[in-house]
Amino acid sequence: MADGVFIKKDDLDLDPLQNPHASIVHRANENSIKAVMVEGEIIHGKL
């Protein structure tokens, strides 16, 4: 199963999104996260 983090692409902290990888690494924060997937299941506020 897959693990992943879904990022809000329209988050103002990530603007401008010309280089998505650099924007996420350098400017994303907890407010930029839309959802988290663990073992193929979307986790809502529980780890």
N, C-alpha and C. Protein backbone atom coordinates (compact mmCIF):
# COMPACT_ATOMS: atom_id res chain seq x y z
N MET A 1 0.83 -1.19 0.00
CA MET A 1 0.00 0.00 0.00
C MET A 1 0.87 1.25 0.00
N ALA A 2 0.27 2.34 -0.36
CA ALA A 2 1.02 3.59 -0.52
C ALA A 2 0.84 4.53 0.67
N ASP A 3 1.90 5.28 0.96
CA ASP A 3 1.85 6.38 1.91
C ASP A 3 2.07 7.65 1.11
N GLY A 4 1.40 8.71 1.49
CA GLY A 4 1.58 9.96 0.75
C GLY A 4 1.02 11.15 1.50
N VAL A 5 1.42 12.31 1.08
CA VAL A 5 0.92 13.57 1.62
C VAL A 5 0.37 14.37 0.45
N PHE A 6 -0.85 14.87 0.60
CA PHE A 6 -1.49 15.67 -0.43
C PHE A 6 -1.38 17.13 -0.04
N ILE A 7 -0.78 17.93 -0.91
CA ILE A 7 -0.51 19.34 -0.65
C ILE A 7 -1.51 20.20 -1.42
N LYS A 8 -2.00 21.27 -0.77
CA LYS A 8 -2.89 22.22 -1.44
C LYS A 8 -2.07 23.04 -2.43
N LYS A 9 -2.34 22.88 -3.71
CA LYS A 9 -1.54 23.58 -4.72
C LYS A 9 -1.84 25.07 -4.76
N ASP A 10 -2.99 25.49 -4.23
CA ASP A 10 -3.33 26.91 -4.25
C ASP A 10 -3.00 27.62 -2.94
N ASP A 11 -2.22 26.98 -2.06
CA ASP A 11 -1.81 27.59 -0.79
C ASP A 11 -0.93 28.80 -1.07
N LEU A 12 -1.24 29.92 -0.44
CA LEU A 12 -0.49 31.16 -0.69
C LEU A 12 0.96 31.05 -0.27
N ASP A 13 1.29 30.20 0.71
CA ASP A 13 2.68 30.03 1.12
C ASP A 13 3.53 29.41 0.01
N LEU A 14 2.91 28.71 -0.92
CA LEU A 14 3.65 28.05 -1.99
C LEU A 14 3.74 28.89 -3.26
N ASP A 15 3.10 30.03 -3.27
CA ASP A 15 3.06 30.89 -4.45
C ASP A 15 4.36 31.66 -4.62
N PRO A 16 4.99 31.79 -5.74
CA PRO A 16 4.62 31.21 -7.03
C PRO A 16 5.07 29.75 -7.11
N LEU A 17 4.31 28.95 -7.80
CA LEU A 17 4.56 27.52 -7.88
C LEU A 17 5.25 27.16 -9.20
N GLN A 18 6.27 27.91 -9.56
CA GLN A 18 7.01 27.65 -10.80
C GLN A 18 7.86 26.39 -10.66
N ASN A 19 8.40 26.15 -9.48
CA ASN A 19 9.18 24.95 -9.20
C ASN A 19 8.52 24.25 -8.01
N PRO A 20 7.56 23.34 -8.27
CA PRO A 20 6.79 22.72 -7.19
C PRO A 20 7.64 22.02 -6.14
N HIS A 21 8.69 21.31 -6.56
CA HIS A 21 9.52 20.59 -5.59
C HIS A 21 10.18 21.55 -4.62
N ALA A 22 10.79 22.60 -5.11
CA ALA A 22 11.46 23.58 -4.25
C ALA A 22 10.45 24.31 -3.37
N SER A 23 9.29 24.65 -3.91
CA SER A 23 8.27 25.34 -3.13
C SER A 23 7.81 24.49 -1.95
N ILE A 24 7.56 23.21 -2.19
CA ILE A 24 7.09 22.33 -1.12
C ILE A 24 8.18 22.13 -0.07
N VAL A 25 9.40 21.89 -0.49
CA VAL A 25 10.50 21.64 0.45
C VAL A 25 10.80 22.88 1.29
N HIS A 26 10.81 24.05 0.68
CA HIS A 26 11.26 25.25 1.37
C HIS A 26 10.15 26.06 2.03
N ARG A 27 8.90 25.97 1.53
CA ARG A 27 7.88 26.88 2.04
C ARG A 27 6.62 26.20 2.57
N ALA A 28 6.44 24.92 2.36
CA ALA A 28 5.24 24.26 2.86
C ALA A 28 5.28 24.17 4.38
N ASN A 29 4.10 24.25 5.00
CA ASN A 29 3.97 24.08 6.44
C ASN A 29 2.74 23.22 6.72
N GLU A 30 2.38 23.07 7.98
CA GLU A 30 1.25 22.19 8.32
C GLU A 30 -0.06 22.66 7.71
N ASN A 31 -0.20 23.95 7.42
CA ASN A 31 -1.41 24.46 6.79
C ASN A 31 -1.48 24.13 5.31
N SER A 32 -0.37 23.72 4.72
CA SER A 32 -0.32 23.38 3.30
C SER A 32 -0.81 21.96 3.03
N ILE A 33 -0.97 21.15 4.08
CA ILE A 33 -1.34 19.75 3.92
C ILE A 33 -2.85 19.61 3.80
N LYS A 34 -3.28 18.95 2.74
CA LYS A 34 -4.71 18.71 2.52
C LYS A 34 -5.13 17.37 3.14
N ALA A 35 -4.31 16.34 2.97
CA ALA A 35 -4.62 15.01 3.50
C ALA A 35 -3.35 14.19 3.59
N VAL A 36 -3.42 13.15 4.42
CA VAL A 36 -2.30 12.22 4.58
C VAL A 36 -2.84 10.81 4.35
N MET A 37 -2.09 10.02 3.58
CA MET A 37 -2.48 8.64 3.32
C MET A 37 -1.42 7.71 3.92
N VAL A 38 -1.89 6.75 4.73
CA VAL A 38 -1.01 5.76 5.35
C VAL A 38 -1.56 4.38 5.01
N GLU A 39 -0.72 3.55 4.42
CA GLU A 39 -1.11 2.20 4.00
C GLU A 39 -2.37 2.21 3.15
N GLY A 40 -2.48 3.20 2.26
CA GLY A 40 -3.60 3.27 1.34
C GLY A 40 -4.87 3.85 1.92
N GLU A 41 -4.86 4.31 3.17
CA GLU A 41 -6.05 4.85 3.82
C GLU A 41 -5.82 6.31 4.20
N ILE A 42 -6.81 7.16 3.86
CA ILE A 42 -6.73 8.57 4.23
C ILE A 42 -6.92 8.68 5.74
N ILE A 43 -5.99 9.36 6.40
CA ILE A 43 -6.01 9.53 7.85
C ILE A 43 -6.52 10.94 8.15
N HIS A 44 -7.50 11.05 9.02
CA HIS A 44 -8.08 12.34 9.39
C HIS A 44 -7.78 12.65 10.85
N GLY A 45 -6.68 13.35 11.11
CA GLY A 45 -6.35 13.81 12.46
C GLY A 45 -5.93 12.75 13.44
N LYS A 46 -5.58 11.57 12.98
CA LYS A 46 -5.12 10.51 13.89
C LYS A 46 -3.87 9.87 13.32
N LEU A 47 -2.89 9.69 14.15
CA LEU A 47 -1.65 9.05 13.73
C LEU A 47 -1.34 7.88 14.62
